[in-house]
């Protein structure tokens, strides 16, 4: 499985981590990749910690279990850094992407000695300014695509635009806001 990219998402119920992992799986699938996107729930309620996963590969994926040593971790809610061991099993040749207004240099000391790459993105500001409400999953989705290089950014934007056009056909303002958030996020993600 050396060509498989594994991603673990940490979020809270209602923040869209599960949706973002499924959107990433769909976008990668549309480029001809083999994919898995699946959530793991604890108590199913708003605000409860959830974990979601992606496996993405150019070849068939034969393993079907949680991801214990991901190459990448996405943290949709900064408070989870203290509430969960977000770096558990995270490979140091990968990276962690965190939703925070802080810089990577400010956040790195809070990551229990993790020595890999640290990226941050202010998903709150981007989503509020582009969408009018706090939906962190759209900026976080774009940030992980940028950090991993899992697919061509232009292909990703094109695929997401088609997906949103189908999903929000009667709400063009929603499509426009999401597209702005995706493009802005790819430009604003910061890393060590």
N, C-alpha and C. Protein backbone atom coordinates (compact mmCIF):
# COMPACT_ATOMS: atom_id res chain seq x y z
N UNK A 1 0.81 -1.21 0.00
CA UNK A 1 0.00 0.00 0.00
C UNK A 1 0.85 1.26 0.00
N UNK A 2 2.00 1.22 -0.60
CA UNK A 2 2.88 2.38 -0.55
C UNK A 2 2.35 3.55 -1.37
N UNK A 3 1.45 3.30 -2.34
CA UNK A 3 0.93 4.41 -3.14
C UNK A 3 -0.39 4.96 -2.59
N UNK A 4 -0.82 4.49 -1.44
CA UNK A 4 -2.08 4.93 -0.84
C UNK A 4 -1.84 6.15 0.06
N UNK A 5 -2.64 7.19 -0.15
CA UNK A 5 -2.60 8.36 0.73
C UNK A 5 -3.73 8.17 1.74
N UNK A 6 -3.39 8.23 3.02
CA UNK A 6 -4.38 8.06 4.08
C UNK A 6 -4.53 9.36 4.86
N UNK A 7 -5.78 9.75 5.05
CA UNK A 7 -6.10 11.01 5.72
C UNK A 7 -7.10 10.72 6.83
N UNK A 8 -6.84 11.31 8.02
CA UNK A 8 -7.79 11.22 9.13
C UNK A 8 -8.31 12.62 9.42
N UNK A 9 -9.61 12.76 9.54
CA UNK A 9 -10.27 14.02 9.84
C UNK A 9 -10.76 14.00 11.28
N UNK A 10 -10.51 15.09 12.02
CA UNK A 10 -11.06 15.26 13.37
C UNK A 10 -11.97 16.49 13.35
N UNK A 11 -13.21 16.32 13.78
CA UNK A 11 -14.14 17.44 13.83
C UNK A 11 -15.16 17.20 14.92
N UNK A 12 -16.14 18.04 14.93
CA UNK A 12 -17.27 17.89 15.85
C UNK A 12 -18.53 17.75 15.01
N UNK A 13 -19.49 17.00 15.55
CA UNK A 13 -20.75 16.80 14.84
C UNK A 13 -21.35 18.12 14.39
N UNK A 14 -21.69 18.22 13.13
CA UNK A 14 -22.29 19.44 12.59
C UNK A 14 -21.32 20.36 11.89
N UNK A 15 -20.02 20.08 11.97
CA UNK A 15 -19.02 20.95 11.32
C UNK A 15 -18.69 20.51 9.90
N UNK A 16 -19.14 19.34 9.50
CA UNK A 16 -18.96 18.92 8.12
C UNK A 16 -17.72 18.12 7.82
N UNK A 17 -17.04 17.57 8.83
CA UNK A 17 -15.84 16.76 8.58
C UNK A 17 -16.20 15.52 7.76
N UNK A 18 -17.29 14.87 8.12
CA UNK A 18 -17.73 13.69 7.37
C UNK A 18 -18.06 14.07 5.93
N UNK A 19 -18.79 15.15 5.74
CA UNK A 19 -19.15 15.61 4.40
C UNK A 19 -17.91 15.95 3.59
N UNK A 20 -16.95 16.62 4.21
CA UNK A 20 -15.72 16.98 3.49
C UNK A 20 -14.95 15.73 3.07
N UNK A 21 -14.90 14.71 3.92
CA UNK A 21 -14.19 13.48 3.56
C UNK A 21 -14.89 12.79 2.39
N UNK A 22 -16.21 12.84 2.37
CA UNK A 22 -16.95 12.22 1.27
C UNK A 22 -16.82 13.03 -0.02
N UNK A 23 -16.80 14.36 0.09
CA UNK A 23 -16.59 15.20 -1.09
C UNK A 23 -15.20 14.98 -1.68
N UNK A 24 -14.19 14.82 -0.80
CA UNK A 24 -12.84 14.55 -1.28
C UNK A 24 -12.80 13.21 -2.00
N UNK A 25 -13.47 12.20 -1.45
CA UNK A 25 -13.51 10.89 -2.10
C UNK A 25 -14.18 10.99 -3.47
N UNK A 26 -15.28 11.71 -3.55
CA UNK A 26 -15.97 11.88 -4.84
C UNK A 26 -15.08 12.58 -5.87
N UNK A 27 -14.43 13.66 -5.45
CA UNK A 27 -13.58 14.42 -6.38
C UNK A 27 -12.42 13.57 -6.88
N UNK A 28 -11.79 12.83 -6.00
CA UNK A 28 -10.67 11.97 -6.40
C UNK A 28 -11.16 10.83 -7.30
N UNK A 29 -12.32 10.26 -6.97
CA UNK A 29 -12.90 9.19 -7.79
C UNK A 29 -13.14 9.68 -9.22
N UNK A 30 -13.60 10.92 -9.33
CA UNK A 30 -13.89 11.50 -10.65
C UNK A 30 -12.64 11.72 -11.49
N UNK A 31 -11.46 11.65 -10.87
CA UNK A 31 -10.20 11.75 -11.63
C UNK A 31 -9.62 10.37 -11.91
N UNK A 32 -10.37 9.32 -11.58
CA UNK A 32 -9.92 7.97 -11.89
C UNK A 32 -9.20 7.26 -10.77
N UNK A 33 -9.19 7.84 -9.60
CA UNK A 33 -8.51 7.20 -8.47
C UNK A 33 -9.46 6.23 -7.75
N UNK A 34 -8.86 5.31 -7.03
CA UNK A 34 -9.61 4.43 -6.15
C UNK A 34 -9.70 5.15 -4.81
N UNK A 35 -10.87 5.10 -4.17
CA UNK A 35 -11.06 5.90 -2.97
C UNK A 35 -11.88 5.17 -1.92
N UNK A 36 -11.69 5.62 -0.69
CA UNK A 36 -12.57 5.28 0.42
C UNK A 36 -12.78 6.57 1.21
N UNK A 37 -13.99 6.79 1.64
CA UNK A 37 -14.31 7.91 2.51
C UNK A 37 -15.37 7.44 3.48
N UNK A 38 -15.06 7.48 4.78
CA UNK A 38 -16.01 6.93 5.75
C UNK A 38 -15.82 7.59 7.11
N UNK A 39 -16.93 7.71 7.87
CA UNK A 39 -16.86 8.30 9.21
C UNK A 39 -16.79 7.24 10.30
N UNK A 40 -16.42 7.69 11.48
CA UNK A 40 -16.50 6.87 12.70
C UNK A 40 -17.15 7.77 13.74
N UNK A 41 -18.21 7.31 14.33
CA UNK A 41 -18.95 8.12 15.30
C UNK A 41 -18.79 7.60 16.71
N UNK A 42 -18.87 8.52 17.63
CA UNK A 42 -19.07 8.17 19.03
C UNK A 42 -20.54 8.45 19.28
N UNK A 43 -20.85 9.15 20.37
CA UNK A 43 -22.25 9.53 20.59
C UNK A 43 -22.68 10.47 19.46
N UNK A 44 -23.72 10.11 18.76
CA UNK A 44 -24.12 10.87 17.58
C UNK A 44 -24.96 12.08 17.97
N UNK A 45 -24.27 13.20 18.23
CA UNK A 45 -24.97 14.43 18.56
C UNK A 45 -24.13 15.62 18.11
N UNK A 46 -24.80 16.73 17.94
CA UNK A 46 -24.11 17.96 17.55
C UNK A 46 -23.03 18.30 18.56
N UNK A 47 -21.87 18.62 18.08
CA UNK A 47 -20.77 19.03 18.95
C UNK A 47 -19.91 17.90 19.47
N UNK A 48 -20.36 16.66 19.34
CA UNK A 48 -19.56 15.52 19.80
C UNK A 48 -18.41 15.28 18.83
N UNK A 49 -17.24 14.88 19.33
CA UNK A 49 -16.12 14.60 18.44
C UNK A 49 -16.45 13.47 17.47
N UNK A 50 -16.07 13.67 16.21
CA UNK A 50 -16.20 12.61 15.21
C UNK A 50 -14.86 12.48 14.48
N UNK A 51 -14.67 11.34 13.90
CA UNK A 51 -13.49 11.09 13.09
C UNK A 51 -13.97 10.56 11.75
N UNK A 52 -13.33 11.01 10.68
CA UNK A 52 -13.64 10.51 9.34
C UNK A 52 -12.32 10.18 8.67
N UNK A 53 -12.39 9.39 7.62
CA UNK A 53 -11.17 8.89 6.99
C UNK A 53 -11.27 8.92 5.48
N UNK A 54 -10.12 9.04 4.83
CA UNK A 54 -10.00 8.86 3.38
C UNK A 54 -8.80 7.99 3.07
N UNK A 55 -8.98 7.10 2.12
CA UNK A 55 -7.87 6.40 1.47
C UNK A 55 -7.99 6.73 -0.01
N UNK A 56 -6.88 7.11 -0.62
CA UNK A 56 -6.89 7.49 -2.03
C UNK A 56 -5.68 6.84 -2.68
N UNK A 57 -5.91 6.19 -3.83
CA UNK A 57 -4.84 5.43 -4.47
C UNK A 57 -5.04 5.37 -5.98
N UNK A 58 -3.95 5.12 -6.69
CA UNK A 58 -4.02 4.89 -8.13
C UNK A 58 -4.34 3.43 -8.43
N UNK A 59 -4.26 2.57 -7.42
CA UNK A 59 -4.55 1.15 -7.60
C UNK A 59 -5.65 0.73 -6.62
N UNK A 60 -6.21 -0.42 -6.86
CA UNK A 60 -7.30 -0.94 -6.02
C UNK A 60 -6.89 -0.98 -4.54
N UNK A 61 -7.81 -0.60 -3.67
CA UNK A 61 -7.58 -0.61 -2.22
C UNK A 61 -8.26 -1.84 -1.64
N UNK A 62 -7.48 -2.70 -1.02
CA UNK A 62 -8.04 -3.96 -0.50
C UNK A 62 -8.22 -3.97 1.01
N UNK A 63 -7.80 -2.94 1.69
CA UNK A 63 -7.94 -2.89 3.14
C UNK A 63 -9.20 -2.09 3.49
N UNK A 64 -9.93 -2.55 4.50
CA UNK A 64 -11.19 -1.91 4.90
C UNK A 64 -11.24 -1.81 6.42
N UNK A 65 -10.53 -0.85 6.95
CA UNK A 65 -10.51 -0.63 8.40
C UNK A 65 -10.21 0.84 8.66
N UNK A 66 -10.26 1.23 9.91
CA UNK A 66 -9.88 2.59 10.27
C UNK A 66 -8.41 2.82 9.90
N UNK A 67 -8.03 4.07 9.94
CA UNK A 67 -6.65 4.43 9.60
C UNK A 67 -5.93 4.78 10.90
N UNK A 68 -4.88 4.03 11.19
CA UNK A 68 -4.17 4.21 12.45
C UNK A 68 -2.86 4.97 12.31
N UNK A 69 -2.28 4.98 11.12
CA UNK A 69 -1.04 5.71 10.87
C UNK A 69 -1.19 6.56 9.62
N UNK A 70 -2.00 7.62 9.72
CA UNK A 70 -2.27 8.45 8.54
C UNK A 70 -1.05 9.26 8.11
N UNK A 71 -1.03 9.57 6.85
CA UNK A 71 0.01 10.47 6.34
C UNK A 71 -0.39 11.92 6.61
N UNK A 72 -1.72 12.16 6.63
CA UNK A 72 -2.23 13.51 6.86
C UNK A 72 -3.36 13.47 7.88
N UNK A 73 -3.45 14.55 8.66
CA UNK A 73 -4.55 14.74 9.60
C UNK A 73 -5.12 16.12 9.37
N UNK A 74 -6.46 16.20 9.36
CA UNK A 74 -7.16 17.48 9.24
C UNK A 74 -7.91 17.70 10.54
N UNK A 75 -7.69 18.85 11.18
CA UNK A 75 -8.38 19.18 12.42
C UNK A 75 -9.32 20.34 12.13
N UNK A 76 -10.61 20.04 12.09
CA UNK A 76 -11.63 21.02 11.72
C UNK A 76 -11.94 21.97 12.87
N UNK A 77 -11.68 21.54 14.10
CA UNK A 77 -11.98 22.34 15.28
C UNK A 77 -10.73 22.38 16.17
N UNK A 78 -10.15 23.54 16.31
CA UNK A 78 -8.90 23.71 17.07
C UNK A 78 -9.01 23.19 18.50
N UNK A 79 -10.19 23.24 19.12
CA UNK A 79 -10.32 22.78 20.50
C UNK A 79 -10.04 21.29 20.63
N UNK A 80 -10.09 20.56 19.54
CA UNK A 80 -9.82 19.12 19.58
C UNK A 80 -8.34 18.81 19.81
N UNK A 81 -7.48 19.79 19.64
CA UNK A 81 -6.05 19.57 19.90
C UNK A 81 -5.85 19.13 21.35
N UNK A 82 -6.59 19.73 22.27
CA UNK A 82 -6.50 19.35 23.67
C UNK A 82 -7.45 18.21 24.03
N UNK A 83 -8.55 18.10 23.33
CA UNK A 83 -9.58 17.11 23.68
C UNK A 83 -9.30 15.71 23.12
N UNK A 84 -8.53 15.63 22.06
CA UNK A 84 -8.24 14.33 21.42
C UNK A 84 -6.76 14.29 21.04
N UNK A 85 -6.23 13.11 20.90
CA UNK A 85 -4.83 12.99 20.49
C UNK A 85 -4.76 13.01 18.97
N UNK A 86 -4.85 14.20 18.40
CA UNK A 86 -4.94 14.36 16.95
C UNK A 86 -3.67 13.94 16.22
N UNK A 87 -2.55 13.88 16.90
CA UNK A 87 -1.30 13.45 16.25
C UNK A 87 -1.01 11.96 16.44
N UNK A 88 -1.89 11.25 17.13
CA UNK A 88 -1.68 9.83 17.38
C UNK A 88 -1.48 9.08 16.05
N UNK A 89 -0.34 8.44 15.89
CA UNK A 89 -0.04 7.66 14.70
C UNK A 89 0.31 8.46 13.47
N UNK A 90 0.23 9.78 13.55
CA UNK A 90 0.50 10.63 12.38
C UNK A 90 1.96 10.51 11.97
N UNK A 91 2.16 10.13 10.73
CA UNK A 91 3.51 9.94 10.21
C UNK A 91 4.21 11.29 10.04
N UNK A 92 5.48 11.31 10.38
CA UNK A 92 6.22 12.56 10.31
C UNK A 92 6.62 12.95 8.89
N UNK A 93 6.43 12.05 7.92
CA UNK A 93 6.67 12.43 6.53
C UNK A 93 5.40 13.02 5.90
N UNK A 94 4.36 13.19 6.71
CA UNK A 94 3.11 13.77 6.25
C UNK A 94 2.94 15.17 6.81
N UNK A 95 1.70 15.50 7.21
CA UNK A 95 1.43 16.84 7.72
C UNK A 95 0.10 16.85 8.45
N UNK A 96 -0.08 17.89 9.26
CA UNK A 96 -1.34 18.15 9.93
C UNK A 96 -1.82 19.53 9.48
N UNK A 97 -3.13 19.63 9.21
CA UNK A 97 -3.75 20.88 8.77
C UNK A 97 -4.80 21.24 9.80
N UNK A 98 -4.68 22.43 10.39
CA UNK A 98 -5.54 22.82 11.51
C UNK A 98 -6.31 24.10 11.19
N UNK A 99 -7.59 24.09 11.52
CA UNK A 99 -8.44 25.27 11.39
C UNK A 99 -8.17 26.17 12.59
N UNK A 100 -7.44 27.25 12.35
CA UNK A 100 -7.11 28.20 13.41
C UNK A 100 -6.67 29.52 12.79
N UNK A 101 -6.86 30.59 13.53
CA UNK A 101 -6.35 31.89 13.09
C UNK A 101 -4.86 32.03 13.44
N UNK A 102 -4.34 31.10 14.22
CA UNK A 102 -2.92 31.14 14.64
C UNK A 102 -2.02 30.67 13.50
N UNK A 103 -0.76 31.05 13.59
CA UNK A 103 0.23 30.62 12.60
C UNK A 103 0.71 29.21 12.92
N UNK A 104 1.30 28.53 11.96
CA UNK A 104 1.86 27.20 12.23
C UNK A 104 2.88 27.23 13.38
N UNK A 105 3.66 28.31 13.45
CA UNK A 105 4.66 28.44 14.51
C UNK A 105 4.03 28.52 15.89
N UNK A 106 2.87 29.16 15.98
CA UNK A 106 2.16 29.27 17.26
C UNK A 106 1.50 27.96 17.67
N UNK A 107 1.02 27.21 16.70
CA UNK A 107 0.25 26.00 17.00
C UNK A 107 1.15 24.78 17.21
N UNK A 108 2.30 24.72 16.58
CA UNK A 108 3.18 23.54 16.64
C UNK A 108 3.51 23.10 18.07
N UNK A 109 3.81 24.00 19.01
CA UNK A 109 4.14 23.55 20.37
C UNK A 109 2.99 22.83 21.09
N UNK A 110 1.78 22.96 20.61
CA UNK A 110 0.62 22.31 21.24
C UNK A 110 0.38 20.90 20.70
N UNK A 111 1.24 20.42 19.81
CA UNK A 111 1.00 19.15 19.12
C UNK A 111 1.79 17.98 19.68
N UNK A 112 2.03 17.97 20.97
CA UNK A 112 2.63 16.83 21.68
C UNK A 112 3.91 16.32 21.04
N UNK A 113 4.77 17.25 20.61
CA UNK A 113 6.07 16.87 20.09
C UNK A 113 6.08 16.43 18.63
N UNK A 114 4.96 16.58 17.91
CA UNK A 114 4.93 16.18 16.50
C UNK A 114 5.99 16.95 15.72
N UNK A 115 6.79 16.24 14.95
CA UNK A 115 7.93 16.84 14.24
C UNK A 115 7.67 17.05 12.74
N UNK A 116 6.52 16.63 12.23
CA UNK A 116 6.22 16.78 10.80
C UNK A 116 5.76 18.19 10.47
N UNK A 117 5.29 18.35 9.26
CA UNK A 117 4.84 19.65 8.77
C UNK A 117 3.51 20.03 9.41
N UNK A 118 3.39 21.33 9.69
CA UNK A 118 2.18 21.87 10.30
C UNK A 118 1.64 22.98 9.40
N UNK A 119 0.37 22.86 9.05
CA UNK A 119 -0.29 23.87 8.23
C UNK A 119 -1.49 24.40 8.99
N UNK A 120 -1.79 25.69 8.78
CA UNK A 120 -2.97 26.29 9.40
C UNK A 120 -3.76 27.05 8.34
N UNK A 121 -5.04 27.16 8.61
CA UNK A 121 -5.92 27.95 7.76
C UNK A 121 -7.04 28.50 8.64
N UNK A 122 -7.38 29.75 8.43
CA UNK A 122 -8.46 30.37 9.20
C UNK A 122 -9.79 30.11 8.49
N UNK A 123 -10.29 28.90 8.65
CA UNK A 123 -11.52 28.49 7.97
C UNK A 123 -12.73 29.27 8.46
N UNK A 124 -12.70 29.72 9.71
CA UNK A 124 -13.82 30.51 10.23
C UNK A 124 -13.97 31.81 9.44
N UNK A 125 -12.90 32.57 9.34
CA UNK A 125 -12.96 33.84 8.64
C UNK A 125 -13.33 33.65 7.17
N UNK A 126 -12.71 32.68 6.54
CA UNK A 126 -13.00 32.45 5.12
C UNK A 126 -14.46 32.07 4.92
N UNK A 127 -14.98 31.15 5.71
CA UNK A 127 -16.37 30.72 5.50
C UNK A 127 -17.35 31.84 5.83
N UNK A 128 -17.12 32.58 6.89
CA UNK A 128 -18.04 33.67 7.24
C UNK A 128 -18.02 34.75 6.14
N UNK A 129 -16.83 35.09 5.65
CA UNK A 129 -16.74 36.14 4.63
C UNK A 129 -17.26 35.67 3.26
N UNK A 130 -17.08 34.40 2.93
CA UNK A 130 -17.51 33.90 1.62
C UNK A 130 -18.92 33.31 1.61
N UNK A 131 -19.32 32.72 2.74
CA UNK A 131 -20.60 32.02 2.79
C UNK A 131 -21.64 32.70 3.67
N UNK A 132 -21.18 33.65 4.50
CA UNK A 132 -22.11 34.35 5.38
C UNK A 132 -22.40 33.61 6.67
N UNK A 133 -21.86 32.38 6.81
CA UNK A 133 -22.04 31.57 8.02
C UNK A 133 -20.79 30.72 8.22
N UNK A 134 -20.70 30.13 9.39
CA UNK A 134 -19.53 29.32 9.72
C UNK A 134 -19.72 27.88 9.27
N UNK A 135 -19.13 27.54 8.13
CA UNK A 135 -19.07 26.18 7.60
C UNK A 135 -17.61 25.86 7.32
N UNK A 136 -16.89 25.31 8.30
CA UNK A 136 -15.45 25.12 8.13
C UNK A 136 -15.05 24.04 7.14
N UNK A 137 -15.97 23.15 6.79
CA UNK A 137 -15.58 22.01 5.96
C UNK A 137 -15.12 22.42 4.56
N UNK A 138 -15.73 23.42 3.96
CA UNK A 138 -15.32 23.83 2.60
C UNK A 138 -13.88 24.33 2.59
N UNK A 139 -13.50 25.27 3.46
CA UNK A 139 -12.09 25.69 3.46
C UNK A 139 -11.13 24.56 3.83
N UNK A 140 -11.51 23.69 4.75
CA UNK A 140 -10.62 22.60 5.15
C UNK A 140 -10.43 21.60 4.01
N UNK A 141 -11.47 21.36 3.24
CA UNK A 141 -11.38 20.48 2.08
C UNK A 141 -10.37 21.02 1.08
N UNK A 142 -10.47 22.30 0.75
CA UNK A 142 -9.53 22.91 -0.19
C UNK A 142 -8.11 22.88 0.35
N UNK A 143 -7.97 23.12 1.65
CA UNK A 143 -6.63 23.15 2.26
C UNK A 143 -5.95 21.79 2.16
N UNK A 144 -6.68 20.70 2.42
CA UNK A 144 -6.04 19.38 2.37
C UNK A 144 -5.71 19.00 0.94
N UNK A 145 -6.52 19.42 -0.03
CA UNK A 145 -6.18 19.16 -1.44
C UNK A 145 -4.89 19.89 -1.79
N UNK A 146 -4.76 21.12 -1.35
CA UNK A 146 -3.54 21.90 -1.62
C UNK A 146 -2.32 21.27 -0.95
N UNK A 147 -2.44 20.90 0.32
CA UNK A 147 -1.31 20.37 1.08
C UNK A 147 -0.87 19.01 0.54
N UNK A 148 -1.82 18.14 0.23
CA UNK A 148 -1.46 16.79 -0.21
C UNK A 148 -1.03 16.74 -1.67
N UNK A 149 -1.55 17.64 -2.48
CA UNK A 149 -1.30 17.57 -3.92
C UNK A 149 -1.94 16.33 -4.53
N UNK A 150 -2.97 15.81 -3.88
CA UNK A 150 -3.61 14.56 -4.29
C UNK A 150 -4.26 14.67 -5.66
N UNK A 151 -4.62 15.88 -6.04
CA UNK A 151 -5.17 16.08 -7.38
C UNK A 151 -4.86 17.49 -7.85
N UNK A 152 -4.92 17.69 -9.14
CA UNK A 152 -4.65 19.00 -9.73
C UNK A 152 -5.65 20.02 -9.18
N UNK A 153 -5.18 21.16 -8.68
CA UNK A 153 -6.09 22.16 -8.10
C UNK A 153 -7.19 22.63 -9.06
N UNK A 154 -6.84 22.78 -10.34
CA UNK A 154 -7.85 23.22 -11.31
C UNK A 154 -8.91 22.14 -11.52
N UNK A 155 -8.48 20.88 -11.57
CA UNK A 155 -9.44 19.77 -11.69
C UNK A 155 -10.35 19.72 -10.47
N UNK A 156 -9.76 19.94 -9.30
CA UNK A 156 -10.54 19.93 -8.06
C UNK A 156 -11.60 21.02 -8.09
N UNK A 157 -11.21 22.23 -8.44
CA UNK A 157 -12.15 23.35 -8.48
C UNK A 157 -13.27 23.07 -9.49
N UNK A 158 -12.90 22.57 -10.64
CA UNK A 158 -13.88 22.24 -11.68
C UNK A 158 -14.86 21.17 -11.20
N UNK A 159 -14.33 20.13 -10.56
CA UNK A 159 -15.18 19.05 -10.06
C UNK A 159 -16.12 19.55 -8.96
N UNK A 160 -15.60 20.37 -8.06
CA UNK A 160 -16.44 20.88 -6.97
C UNK A 160 -17.52 21.81 -7.50
N UNK A 161 -17.20 22.58 -8.52
CA UNK A 161 -18.20 23.47 -9.11
C UNK A 161 -19.35 22.65 -9.71
N UNK A 162 -19.02 21.57 -10.39
CA UNK A 162 -20.05 20.69 -10.95
C UNK A 162 -20.87 20.03 -9.83
N UNK A 163 -20.20 19.61 -8.77
CA UNK A 163 -20.88 18.98 -7.64
C UNK A 163 -21.84 19.97 -6.98
N UNK A 164 -21.38 21.18 -6.72
CA UNK A 164 -22.23 22.20 -6.10
C UNK A 164 -23.38 22.60 -7.02
N UNK A 165 -23.11 22.68 -8.32
CA UNK A 165 -24.16 23.05 -9.28
C UNK A 165 -25.29 22.04 -9.25
N UNK A 166 -24.94 20.77 -9.07
CA UNK A 166 -25.95 19.73 -8.98
C UNK A 166 -26.68 19.80 -7.63
N UNK A 167 -25.92 19.92 -6.57
CA UNK A 167 -26.48 19.88 -5.22
C UNK A 167 -27.31 21.14 -4.89
N UNK A 168 -26.84 22.30 -5.36
CA UNK A 168 -27.48 23.57 -5.02
C UNK A 168 -28.03 24.27 -6.27
N UNK A 169 -28.64 23.52 -7.17
CA UNK A 169 -29.13 24.08 -8.44
C UNK A 169 -30.06 25.27 -8.24
N UNK A 170 -30.87 25.24 -7.20
CA UNK A 170 -31.83 26.33 -6.97
C UNK A 170 -31.27 27.46 -6.10
N UNK A 171 -29.99 27.35 -5.71
CA UNK A 171 -29.38 28.37 -4.85
C UNK A 171 -28.03 28.81 -5.41
N UNK A 172 -28.03 29.59 -6.50
CA UNK A 172 -26.75 29.98 -7.13
C UNK A 172 -25.82 30.76 -6.20
N UNK A 173 -26.37 31.48 -5.23
CA UNK A 173 -25.54 32.23 -4.29
C UNK A 173 -24.71 31.29 -3.42
N UNK A 174 -25.25 30.11 -3.12
CA UNK A 174 -24.52 29.11 -2.34
C UNK A 174 -23.34 28.57 -3.15
N UNK A 175 -23.58 28.33 -4.42
CA UNK A 175 -22.51 27.85 -5.30
C UNK A 175 -21.38 28.87 -5.36
N UNK A 176 -21.75 30.11 -5.60
CA UNK A 176 -20.75 31.19 -5.72
C UNK A 176 -19.93 31.34 -4.43
N UNK A 177 -20.59 31.31 -3.29
CA UNK A 177 -19.90 31.45 -2.01
C UNK A 177 -18.94 30.30 -1.75
N UNK A 178 -19.39 29.07 -2.03
CA UNK A 178 -18.52 27.90 -1.84
C UNK A 178 -17.32 27.94 -2.76
N UNK A 179 -17.52 28.36 -4.00
CA UNK A 179 -16.40 28.42 -4.94
C UNK A 179 -15.38 29.48 -4.49
N UNK A 180 -15.86 30.61 -4.01
CA UNK A 180 -14.95 31.64 -3.48
C UNK A 180 -14.17 31.09 -2.29
N UNK A 181 -14.86 30.39 -1.40
CA UNK A 181 -14.20 29.83 -0.21
C UNK A 181 -13.14 28.81 -0.60
N UNK A 182 -13.44 27.94 -1.57
CA UNK A 182 -12.46 26.94 -2.02
C UNK A 182 -11.21 27.60 -2.59
N UNK A 183 -11.40 28.54 -3.49
CA UNK A 183 -10.26 29.20 -4.15
C UNK A 183 -9.44 30.00 -3.14
N UNK A 184 -10.11 30.72 -2.28
CA UNK A 184 -9.40 31.52 -1.27
C UNK A 184 -8.60 30.63 -0.32
N UNK A 185 -9.19 29.51 0.07
CA UNK A 185 -8.53 28.60 1.00
C UNK A 185 -7.25 28.02 0.40
N UNK A 186 -7.28 27.70 -0.87
CA UNK A 186 -6.08 27.15 -1.51
C UNK A 186 -4.95 28.18 -1.53
N UNK A 187 -5.30 29.44 -1.53
CA UNK A 187 -4.29 30.51 -1.51
C UNK A 187 -3.81 30.84 -0.11
N UNK A 188 -4.66 30.66 0.89
CA UNK A 188 -4.35 31.15 2.24
C UNK A 188 -3.82 30.12 3.21
N UNK A 189 -3.78 28.85 2.85
CA UNK A 189 -3.25 27.85 3.78
C UNK A 189 -1.76 28.15 3.99
N UNK A 190 -1.34 28.14 5.27
CA UNK A 190 0.04 28.47 5.64
C UNK A 190 0.72 27.25 6.24
N UNK A 191 2.00 27.07 5.91
CA UNK A 191 2.68 25.90 6.46
C UNK A 191 4.11 26.14 6.83
N UNK A 192 4.59 25.31 7.78
CA UNK A 192 6.00 25.33 8.21
C UNK A 192 6.84 24.57 7.20
